[in-house]
Amino acid sequence: MSDDNNIEKAETPEEPKATENLGEELAKAKKDYLYLLAEFDNYRRNAVKERSDLLKFGSERFVREFLNVYDNFERALETEVTEENFTSFRDGIGLIQAEMKSLLLRFAVEEVDSIGKPFDPSKHEALGSEPNAELPAGHIARVFKKAYKMHDKLIRPAQVTVTAPAKN
C-alpha cells in the first residue's frame, strides 16, 4: 500500500504544474486570438475603404486624360467658323475624334464591327428591319449606335437594323 501512496503523492505535485501550464497556454491562446481578431477587423475595415475609394475614384485616370481632349474640343467650339477656315476646322474636329478614339483604346475600349455581320442578340439590339439585296436575311444593314467592348466584355450593344427576308 505504501507504493500506492507514493504514486498518489508523486502525481499530486505534477497536477498543479499541469494545470498551471494549461492555464498559461489558454491565456496565450486567448491573447493570440484577440490579436488575430483585431488584425482581421483592421484588414476588413481597410478592404472596405479601399473598395469604396476604388469605386469612387477608379475612373480618375481616365477622366484626367479625357479632360485634355475635352479642352481641345471646347477650343474648337470657340473658333468662329468661316468659309476660309472651314476645312481646317473640320480637320481639327477630326483630330479630336482620333484623340478620343486613341484614349478609349488606351483604356481597352474597342469598337465592335457590326455592318454586314449576322445579327447576334448578345451584341446587337434590333431597332427594325429593312430589305437589302446586298446582304442575306438576318444580317446587320445599318448601325445607329456602335457596340463597344472593354477587355472582351460588351459594355454597350449596337443599335441596328437587320435585313429582312426577301419577299416573293
N, C-alpha and C. Protein backbone atom coordinates (compact mmCIF):
# COMPACT_ATOMS: atom_id res chain seq x y z
N MET A 1 0.80 -1.18 0.00
CA MET A 1 0.00 0.00 0.00
C MET A 1 0.85 1.25 0.00
N SER A 2 1.97 1.10 0.54
CA SER A 2 2.85 2.27 0.56
C SER A 2 3.23 2.68 -0.85
N ASP A 3 3.27 1.70 -1.77
CA ASP A 3 3.59 2.04 -3.17
C ASP A 3 2.47 2.89 -3.77
N ASP A 4 1.19 2.54 -3.44
CA ASP A 4 0.08 3.32 -3.98
C ASP A 4 0.12 4.75 -3.45
N ASN A 5 0.45 4.90 -2.18
CA ASN A 5 0.54 6.25 -1.60
C ASN A 5 1.65 7.05 -2.25
N ASN A 6 2.75 6.38 -2.55
CA ASN A 6 3.87 7.07 -3.20
C ASN A 6 3.48 7.53 -4.60
N ILE A 7 2.71 6.68 -5.29
CA ILE A 7 2.29 7.03 -6.64
C ILE A 7 1.36 8.24 -6.58
N GLU A 8 0.42 8.20 -5.62
CA GLU A 8 -0.50 9.32 -5.49
C GLU A 8 0.23 10.58 -5.10
N LYS A 9 1.19 10.47 -4.22
CA LYS A 9 1.95 11.63 -3.80
C LYS A 9 2.82 12.13 -4.94
N ALA A 10 3.31 11.23 -5.77
CA ALA A 10 4.15 11.63 -6.89
C ALA A 10 3.31 12.35 -7.95
N GLU A 11 2.07 11.93 -8.14
CA GLU A 11 1.22 12.56 -9.14
C GLU A 11 0.67 13.89 -8.66
N THR A 12 0.45 14.04 -7.42
CA THR A 12 -0.16 15.24 -6.87
C THR A 12 0.66 16.50 -7.16
N PRO A 13 1.97 16.50 -6.94
CA PRO A 13 2.71 17.74 -7.23
C PRO A 13 2.70 18.08 -8.72
N GLU A 14 2.56 17.11 -9.61
CA GLU A 14 2.56 17.39 -11.05
C GLU A 14 1.23 17.98 -11.52
N GLU A 15 0.13 17.63 -10.87
CA GLU A 15 -1.18 18.12 -11.29
C GLU A 15 -1.26 19.64 -11.25
N PRO A 16 -0.87 20.31 -10.19
CA PRO A 16 -0.92 21.78 -10.20
C PRO A 16 -0.02 22.35 -11.30
N LYS A 17 1.11 21.69 -11.55
CA LYS A 17 2.02 22.16 -12.59
C LYS A 17 1.36 22.03 -13.96
N ALA A 18 0.68 20.91 -14.22
CA ALA A 18 -0.01 20.69 -15.48
C ALA A 18 -1.16 21.69 -15.62
N THR A 19 -1.86 21.96 -14.54
CA THR A 19 -2.96 22.92 -14.56
C THR A 19 -2.42 24.31 -14.83
N GLU A 20 -1.27 24.65 -14.24
CA GLU A 20 -0.65 25.95 -14.49
C GLU A 20 -0.29 26.08 -15.96
N ASN A 21 0.32 25.01 -16.53
CA ASN A 21 0.70 25.04 -17.95
C ASN A 21 -0.52 25.19 -18.84
N LEU A 22 -1.61 24.47 -18.52
CA LEU A 22 -2.84 24.61 -19.30
C LEU A 22 -3.40 26.02 -19.20
N GLY A 23 -3.35 26.59 -17.99
CA GLY A 23 -3.83 27.96 -17.79
C GLY A 23 -3.00 28.96 -18.59
N GLU A 24 -1.67 28.77 -18.59
CA GLU A 24 -0.79 29.66 -19.36
C GLU A 24 -1.04 29.51 -20.86
N GLU A 25 -1.22 28.24 -21.30
CA GLU A 25 -1.49 28.00 -22.71
C GLU A 25 -2.83 28.61 -23.12
N LEU A 26 -3.82 28.48 -22.27
CA LEU A 26 -5.12 29.07 -22.54
C LEU A 26 -5.04 30.59 -22.62
N ALA A 27 -4.33 31.18 -21.69
CA ALA A 27 -4.16 32.65 -21.69
C ALA A 27 -3.44 33.10 -22.95
N LYS A 28 -2.39 32.36 -23.35
CA LYS A 28 -1.64 32.70 -24.56
C LYS A 28 -2.53 32.55 -25.80
N ALA A 29 -3.30 31.45 -25.85
CA ALA A 29 -4.20 31.23 -26.99
C ALA A 29 -5.25 32.33 -27.06
N LYS A 30 -5.78 32.74 -25.90
CA LYS A 30 -6.78 33.81 -25.87
C LYS A 30 -6.17 35.12 -26.35
N LYS A 31 -4.94 35.40 -25.90
CA LYS A 31 -4.25 36.62 -26.31
C LYS A 31 -3.99 36.61 -27.82
N ASP A 32 -3.54 35.46 -28.34
CA ASP A 32 -3.30 35.33 -29.79
C ASP A 32 -4.61 35.49 -30.57
N TYR A 33 -5.68 34.91 -30.06
CA TYR A 33 -6.98 35.00 -30.72
C TYR A 33 -7.44 36.46 -30.78
N LEU A 34 -7.33 37.16 -29.67
CA LEU A 34 -7.76 38.56 -29.65
C LEU A 34 -6.91 39.41 -30.58
N TYR A 35 -5.60 39.12 -30.64
CA TYR A 35 -4.70 39.84 -31.55
C TYR A 35 -5.12 39.60 -33.00
N LEU A 36 -5.37 38.32 -33.36
CA LEU A 36 -5.79 38.00 -34.72
C LEU A 36 -7.15 38.61 -35.05
N LEU A 37 -8.04 38.61 -34.08
CA LEU A 37 -9.36 39.21 -34.28
C LEU A 37 -9.22 40.71 -34.58
N ALA A 38 -8.36 41.39 -33.83
CA ALA A 38 -8.13 42.82 -34.05
C ALA A 38 -7.48 43.05 -35.42
N GLU A 39 -6.51 42.21 -35.78
CA GLU A 39 -5.85 42.33 -37.09
C GLU A 39 -6.84 42.13 -38.22
N PHE A 40 -7.70 41.13 -38.09
CA PHE A 40 -8.69 40.87 -39.12
C PHE A 40 -9.68 42.02 -39.23
N ASP A 41 -10.09 42.56 -38.10
CA ASP A 41 -11.01 43.70 -38.12
C ASP A 41 -10.38 44.90 -38.83
N ASN A 42 -9.10 45.16 -38.57
CA ASN A 42 -8.38 46.24 -39.27
C ASN A 42 -8.30 45.95 -40.77
N TYR A 43 -7.99 44.72 -41.12
CA TYR A 43 -7.91 44.33 -42.53
C TYR A 43 -9.26 44.54 -43.22
N ARG A 44 -10.33 44.10 -42.57
CA ARG A 44 -11.66 44.23 -43.14
C ARG A 44 -12.02 45.70 -43.35
N ARG A 45 -11.74 46.55 -42.35
CA ARG A 45 -12.03 47.98 -42.48
C ARG A 45 -11.23 48.60 -43.62
N ASN A 46 -9.95 48.24 -43.73
CA ASN A 46 -9.10 48.77 -44.81
C ASN A 46 -9.59 48.29 -46.17
N ALA A 47 -10.01 47.03 -46.27
CA ALA A 47 -10.51 46.49 -47.54
C ALA A 47 -11.78 47.21 -47.96
N VAL A 48 -12.68 47.47 -47.02
CA VAL A 48 -13.92 48.19 -47.33
C VAL A 48 -13.59 49.61 -47.80
N LYS A 49 -12.64 50.27 -47.15
CA LYS A 49 -12.24 51.63 -47.54
C LYS A 49 -11.60 51.62 -48.92
N GLU A 50 -10.73 50.65 -49.18
CA GLU A 50 -10.09 50.56 -50.50
C GLU A 50 -11.12 50.34 -51.59
N ARG A 51 -12.07 49.43 -51.36
CA ARG A 51 -13.12 49.19 -52.34
C ARG A 51 -13.96 50.44 -52.58
N SER A 52 -14.28 51.14 -51.51
CA SER A 52 -15.06 52.36 -51.62
C SER A 52 -14.29 53.41 -52.42
N ASP A 53 -13.00 53.57 -52.12
CA ASP A 53 -12.17 54.53 -52.86
C ASP A 53 -12.02 54.13 -54.32
N LEU A 54 -11.91 52.84 -54.58
CA LEU A 54 -11.78 52.37 -55.96
C LEU A 54 -13.05 52.69 -56.74
N LEU A 55 -14.21 52.46 -56.14
CA LEU A 55 -15.47 52.79 -56.81
C LEU A 55 -15.60 54.29 -57.01
N LYS A 56 -15.18 55.04 -56.01
CA LYS A 56 -15.33 56.49 -56.05
C LYS A 56 -14.34 57.15 -57.00
N PHE A 57 -13.09 56.69 -56.98
CA PHE A 57 -12.04 57.36 -57.74
C PHE A 57 -11.40 56.48 -58.82
N GLY A 58 -12.00 55.33 -59.11
CA GLY A 58 -11.42 54.39 -60.07
C GLY A 58 -11.28 54.95 -61.46
N SER A 59 -12.15 55.86 -61.84
CA SER A 59 -12.10 56.43 -63.19
C SER A 59 -11.28 57.72 -63.26
N GLU A 60 -10.61 58.05 -62.19
CA GLU A 60 -9.87 59.32 -62.12
C GLU A 60 -8.83 59.44 -63.24
N ARG A 61 -8.07 58.40 -63.49
CA ARG A 61 -7.03 58.45 -64.54
C ARG A 61 -7.66 58.70 -65.91
N PHE A 62 -8.75 58.00 -66.19
CA PHE A 62 -9.45 58.19 -67.46
C PHE A 62 -9.97 59.62 -67.58
N VAL A 63 -10.60 60.12 -66.53
CA VAL A 63 -11.17 61.46 -66.56
C VAL A 63 -10.09 62.50 -66.77
N ARG A 64 -8.94 62.35 -66.10
CA ARG A 64 -7.84 63.29 -66.28
C ARG A 64 -7.40 63.37 -67.73
N GLU A 65 -7.26 62.21 -68.37
CA GLU A 65 -6.85 62.18 -69.77
C GLU A 65 -7.97 62.67 -70.68
N PHE A 66 -9.21 62.37 -70.33
CA PHE A 66 -10.34 62.82 -71.13
C PHE A 66 -10.45 64.35 -71.10
N LEU A 67 -10.14 64.97 -69.97
CA LEU A 67 -10.25 66.42 -69.86
C LEU A 67 -9.33 67.13 -70.86
N ASN A 68 -8.18 66.55 -71.19
CA ASN A 68 -7.30 67.15 -72.20
C ASN A 68 -8.00 67.16 -73.56
N VAL A 69 -8.68 66.08 -73.90
CA VAL A 69 -9.42 66.01 -75.16
C VAL A 69 -10.58 67.00 -75.12
N TYR A 70 -11.26 67.07 -73.99
CA TYR A 70 -12.39 67.98 -73.85
C TYR A 70 -11.96 69.43 -74.01
N ASP A 71 -10.79 69.78 -73.46
CA ASP A 71 -10.26 71.15 -73.61
C ASP A 71 -10.07 71.48 -75.09
N ASN A 72 -9.52 70.54 -75.86
CA ASN A 72 -9.35 70.76 -77.30
C ASN A 72 -10.69 70.95 -77.99
N PHE A 73 -11.66 70.17 -77.58
CA PHE A 73 -13.00 70.27 -78.17
C PHE A 73 -13.61 71.64 -77.87
N GLU A 74 -13.49 72.11 -76.63
CA GLU A 74 -14.01 73.43 -76.27
C GLU A 74 -13.34 74.53 -77.07
N ARG A 75 -12.00 74.44 -77.24
CA ARG A 75 -11.29 75.44 -78.04
C ARG A 75 -11.80 75.45 -79.48
N ALA A 76 -12.07 74.26 -80.00
CA ALA A 76 -12.58 74.18 -81.37
C ALA A 76 -13.95 74.84 -81.47
N LEU A 77 -14.79 74.64 -80.47
CA LEU A 77 -16.12 75.25 -80.49
C LEU A 77 -16.08 76.77 -80.33
N GLU A 78 -15.03 77.27 -79.70
CA GLU A 78 -14.88 78.72 -79.53
C GLU A 78 -14.44 79.40 -80.82
N THR A 79 -13.95 78.61 -81.76
CA THR A 79 -13.49 79.16 -83.04
C THR A 79 -14.68 79.58 -83.88
N GLU A 80 -14.57 80.78 -84.45
CA GLU A 80 -15.62 81.23 -85.36
C GLU A 80 -15.35 80.59 -86.72
N VAL A 81 -16.31 79.84 -87.20
CA VAL A 81 -16.15 79.12 -88.45
C VAL A 81 -16.58 80.02 -89.61
N THR A 82 -15.67 80.15 -90.56
CA THR A 82 -15.94 80.92 -91.78
C THR A 82 -15.65 80.03 -92.98
N GLU A 83 -15.96 80.54 -94.15
CA GLU A 83 -15.67 79.76 -95.36
C GLU A 83 -14.18 79.50 -95.50
N GLU A 84 -13.37 80.48 -95.10
CA GLU A 84 -11.91 80.35 -95.24
C GLU A 84 -11.32 79.30 -94.30
N ASN A 85 -11.85 79.18 -93.08
CA ASN A 85 -11.25 78.25 -92.12
C ASN A 85 -12.08 76.98 -91.92
N PHE A 86 -13.13 76.79 -92.71
CA PHE A 86 -13.99 75.62 -92.52
C PHE A 86 -13.21 74.31 -92.66
N THR A 87 -12.35 74.20 -93.67
CA THR A 87 -11.59 72.96 -93.89
C THR A 87 -10.67 72.67 -92.70
N SER A 88 -9.97 73.68 -92.22
CA SER A 88 -9.07 73.45 -91.08
C SER A 88 -9.87 73.15 -89.81
N PHE A 89 -11.07 73.78 -89.67
CA PHE A 89 -11.94 73.49 -88.53
C PHE A 89 -12.37 72.03 -88.56
N ARG A 90 -12.80 71.58 -89.73
CA ARG A 90 -13.23 70.18 -89.89
C ARG A 90 -12.07 69.22 -89.61
N ASP A 91 -10.87 69.55 -90.08
CA ASP A 91 -9.69 68.73 -89.82
C ASP A 91 -9.39 68.69 -88.32
N GLY A 92 -9.58 69.82 -87.64
CA GLY A 92 -9.35 69.88 -86.19
C GLY A 92 -10.33 68.99 -85.44
N ILE A 93 -11.59 69.01 -85.87
CA ILE A 93 -12.59 68.14 -85.24
C ILE A 93 -12.22 66.67 -85.48
N GLY A 94 -11.73 66.37 -86.68
CA GLY A 94 -11.27 65.00 -86.98
C GLY A 94 -10.12 64.58 -86.09
N LEU A 95 -9.20 65.52 -85.79
CA LEU A 95 -8.07 65.22 -84.88
C LEU A 95 -8.58 64.94 -83.46
N ILE A 96 -9.58 65.70 -83.04
CA ILE A 96 -10.15 65.48 -81.70
C ILE A 96 -10.82 64.11 -81.64
N GLN A 97 -11.53 63.74 -82.71
CA GLN A 97 -12.18 62.42 -82.76
C GLN A 97 -11.12 61.32 -82.70
N ALA A 98 -10.01 61.49 -83.41
CA ALA A 98 -8.93 60.50 -83.38
C ALA A 98 -8.30 60.43 -81.99
N GLU A 99 -8.18 61.57 -81.33
CA GLU A 99 -7.63 61.61 -79.97
C GLU A 99 -8.56 60.88 -78.99
N MET A 100 -9.86 61.06 -79.18
CA MET A 100 -10.83 60.36 -78.32
C MET A 100 -10.76 58.85 -78.54
N LYS A 101 -10.66 58.44 -79.80
CA LYS A 101 -10.58 57.01 -80.11
C LYS A 101 -9.30 56.41 -79.52
N SER A 102 -8.20 57.14 -79.60
CA SER A 102 -6.93 56.69 -79.02
C SER A 102 -7.04 56.55 -77.50
N LEU A 103 -7.72 57.51 -76.88
CA LEU A 103 -7.93 57.46 -75.43
C LEU A 103 -8.73 56.22 -75.04
N LEU A 104 -9.79 55.95 -75.78
CA LEU A 104 -10.59 54.75 -75.50
C LEU A 104 -9.75 53.48 -75.65
N LEU A 105 -8.93 53.42 -76.70
CA LEU A 105 -8.08 52.24 -76.90
C LEU A 105 -7.07 52.07 -75.77
N ARG A 106 -6.53 53.18 -75.26
CA ARG A 106 -5.58 53.10 -74.12
C ARG A 106 -6.25 52.50 -72.89
N PHE A 107 -7.56 52.67 -72.78
CA PHE A 107 -8.30 52.11 -71.65
C PHE A 107 -9.05 50.84 -72.04
N ALA A 108 -8.58 50.18 -73.09
CA ALA A 108 -9.07 48.87 -73.54
C ALA A 108 -10.53 48.88 -73.97
N VAL A 109 -11.00 50.02 -74.48
CA VAL A 109 -12.36 50.11 -75.01
C VAL A 109 -12.25 50.06 -76.53
N GLU A 110 -12.89 49.05 -77.11
CA GLU A 110 -12.81 48.86 -78.56
C GLU A 110 -14.20 48.84 -79.17
N GLU A 111 -14.26 49.33 -80.40
CA GLU A 111 -15.50 49.29 -81.18
C GLU A 111 -15.71 47.87 -81.70
N VAL A 112 -16.96 47.42 -81.69
CA VAL A 112 -17.29 46.11 -82.23
C VAL A 112 -17.88 46.32 -83.63
N ASP A 113 -17.25 45.76 -84.63
CA ASP A 113 -17.70 45.90 -86.01
C ASP A 113 -19.00 45.12 -86.18
N SER A 114 -20.01 45.75 -86.78
CA SER A 114 -21.31 45.10 -86.92
C SER A 114 -21.84 45.05 -88.35
N ILE A 115 -21.55 46.05 -89.16
CA ILE A 115 -22.12 46.13 -90.52
C ILE A 115 -21.81 44.85 -91.30
N GLY A 116 -22.87 44.25 -91.87
CA GLY A 116 -22.72 43.06 -92.70
C GLY A 116 -22.56 41.77 -91.93
N LYS A 117 -22.49 41.84 -90.61
CA LYS A 117 -22.35 40.64 -89.77
C LYS A 117 -23.73 40.07 -89.46
N PRO A 118 -23.78 38.76 -89.15
CA PRO A 118 -25.06 38.17 -88.74
C PRO A 118 -25.55 38.81 -87.44
N PHE A 119 -26.85 38.99 -87.31
CA PHE A 119 -27.44 39.56 -86.10
C PHE A 119 -27.17 38.63 -84.93
N ASP A 120 -26.67 39.17 -83.82
CA ASP A 120 -26.39 38.41 -82.60
C ASP A 120 -27.04 39.17 -81.45
N PRO A 121 -28.10 38.62 -80.85
CA PRO A 121 -28.80 39.35 -79.79
C PRO A 121 -27.93 39.65 -78.56
N SER A 122 -26.81 38.96 -78.42
CA SER A 122 -25.93 39.26 -77.29
C SER A 122 -25.05 40.48 -77.57
N LYS A 123 -24.98 40.92 -78.84
CA LYS A 123 -24.17 42.09 -79.21
C LYS A 123 -24.99 43.20 -79.84
N HIS A 124 -26.19 42.87 -80.32
CA HIS A 124 -26.98 43.83 -81.08
C HIS A 124 -28.38 43.99 -80.51
N GLU A 125 -28.90 45.19 -80.67
CA GLU A 125 -30.27 45.49 -80.31
C GLU A 125 -30.96 45.92 -81.60
N ALA A 126 -31.90 45.13 -82.07
CA ALA A 126 -32.57 45.42 -83.34
C ALA A 126 -33.62 46.50 -83.14
N LEU A 127 -33.51 47.56 -83.94
CA LEU A 127 -34.50 48.63 -83.90
C LEU A 127 -35.54 48.46 -84.99
N GLY A 128 -35.24 47.61 -85.95
CA GLY A 128 -36.18 47.38 -87.05
C GLY A 128 -35.54 46.49 -88.10
N SER A 129 -36.26 46.30 -89.18
CA SER A 129 -35.73 45.51 -90.28
C SER A 129 -35.99 46.25 -91.58
N GLU A 130 -35.19 45.94 -92.58
CA GLU A 130 -35.34 46.59 -93.89
C GLU A 130 -34.86 45.64 -94.97
N PRO A 131 -35.46 45.72 -96.15
CA PRO A 131 -34.99 44.87 -97.24
C PRO A 131 -33.62 45.35 -97.72
N ASN A 132 -32.78 44.39 -98.09
CA ASN A 132 -31.46 44.74 -98.60
C ASN A 132 -31.02 43.63 -99.55
N ALA A 133 -30.83 43.97 -100.80
CA ALA A 133 -30.47 42.98 -101.82
C ALA A 133 -29.01 42.55 -101.71
N GLU A 134 -28.19 43.35 -101.06
CA GLU A 134 -26.76 43.06 -100.98
C GLU A 134 -26.39 42.10 -99.86
N LEU A 135 -27.24 42.00 -98.84
CA LEU A 135 -26.93 41.16 -97.67
C LEU A 135 -27.98 40.08 -97.49
N PRO A 136 -27.57 38.91 -96.97
CA PRO A 136 -28.56 37.86 -96.68
C PRO A 136 -29.46 38.29 -95.51
N ALA A 137 -30.61 37.68 -95.41
CA ALA A 137 -31.54 37.98 -94.32
C ALA A 137 -30.90 37.69 -92.97
N GLY A 138 -31.20 38.55 -91.99
CA GLY A 138 -30.68 38.35 -90.64
C GLY A 138 -29.31 38.97 -90.41
N HIS A 139 -28.83 39.78 -91.35
CA HIS A 139 -27.53 40.44 -91.20
C HIS A 139 -27.76 41.93 -90.90
N ILE A 140 -26.75 42.57 -90.38
CA ILE A 140 -26.85 43.98 -90.00
C ILE A 140 -26.73 44.86 -91.24
N ALA A 141 -27.78 45.67 -91.47
CA ALA A 141 -27.79 46.57 -92.63
C ALA A 141 -27.27 47.96 -92.26
N ARG A 142 -27.72 48.48 -91.11
CA ARG A 142 -27.30 49.81 -90.65
C ARG A 142 -27.06 49.79 -89.16
N VAL A 143 -26.18 50.69 -88.72
CA VAL A 143 -25.87 50.83 -87.30
C VAL A 143 -26.20 52.26 -86.87
N PHE A 144 -27.05 52.38 -85.87
CA PHE A 144 -27.39 53.71 -85.33
C PHE A 144 -26.46 54.07 -84.19
N LYS A 145 -26.15 53.11 -83.32
CA LYS A 145 -25.17 53.28 -82.24
C LYS A 145 -24.23 52.09 -82.30
N LYS A 146 -22.94 52.36 -82.28
CA LYS A 146 -21.94 51.29 -82.35
C LYS A 146 -21.87 50.54 -81.03
N ALA A 147 -21.49 49.27 -81.13
CA ALA A 147 -21.25 48.45 -79.93
C ALA A 147 -19.81 48.66 -79.49
N TYR A 148 -19.59 48.60 -78.17
CA TYR A 148 -18.24 48.74 -77.62
C TYR A 148 -18.01 47.65 -76.59
N LYS A 149 -16.76 47.18 -76.55
CA LYS A 149 -16.38 46.19 -75.53
C LYS A 149 -15.16 46.72 -74.79
N MET A 150 -15.02 46.26 -73.57
CA MET A 150 -13.87 46.62 -72.73
C MET A 150 -13.31 45.32 -72.17
N HIS A 151 -12.05 45.05 -72.50
CA HIS A 151 -11.41 43.80 -72.06
C HIS A 151 -12.29 42.59 -72.41
N ASP A 152 -12.76 42.51 -73.61
CA ASP A 152 -13.57 41.40 -74.12
C ASP A 152 -14.96 41.29 -73.49
N LYS A 153 -15.37 42.30 -72.73
CA LYS A 153 -16.73 42.31 -72.17
C LYS A 153 -17.52 43.40 -72.90
N LEU A 154 -18.68 43.05 -73.41
CA LEU A 154 -19.52 44.02 -74.10
C LEU A 154 -20.03 45.02 -73.08
N ILE A 155 -19.76 46.31 -73.33
CA ILE A 155 -20.25 47.34 -72.39
C ILE A 155 -21.43 48.12 -72.96
N ARG A 156 -21.61 48.02 -74.30
CA ARG A 156 -22.80 48.62 -74.91
C ARG A 156 -23.12 47.87 -76.19
N PRO A 157 -24.36 47.36 -76.31
CA PRO A 157 -24.73 46.69 -77.55
C PRO A 157 -24.97 47.72 -78.66
N ALA A 158 -24.85 47.27 -79.89
CA ALA A 158 -25.11 48.14 -81.04
C ALA A 158 -26.61 48.23 -81.27
N GLN A 159 -27.09 49.39 -81.67
CA GLN A 159 -28.47 49.56 -82.09
C GLN A 159 -28.46 49.51 -83.62
N VAL A 160 -29.16 48.55 -84.17
CA VAL A 160 -29.03 48.25 -85.59
C VAL A 160 -30.38 48.00 -86.27
N THR A 161 -30.35 48.01 -87.61
CA THR A 161 -31.47 47.48 -88.39
C THR A 161 -30.96 46.20 -89.06
N VAL A 162 -31.83 45.25 -89.15
CA VAL A 162 -31.48 43.92 -89.66
C VAL A 162 -32.14 43.75 -91.02
N THR A 163 -31.44 43.05 -91.91
CA THR A 163 -32.02 42.78 -93.23
C THR A 163 -33.20 41.83 -93.10
N ALA A 164 -34.26 42.15 -93.83
CA ALA A 164 -35.47 41.33 -93.80
C ALA A 164 -35.37 40.26 -94.87
N PRO A 165 -36.07 39.14 -94.68
CA PRO A 165 -36.09 38.10 -95.72
C PRO A 165 -36.69 38.66 -97.01
N ALA A 166 -36.21 38.19 -98.12
CA ALA A 166 -36.71 38.66 -99.43
C ALA A 166 -38.16 38.26 -99.58
N LYS A 167 -38.97 39.17 -100.11
CA LYS A 167 -40.40 38.88 -100.33
C LYS A 167 -40.56 38.26 -101.71
N ASN A 168 -41.33 37.20 -101.80
CA ASN A 168 -41.56 36.51 -103.08
C ASN A 168 -42.86 36.91 -103.67
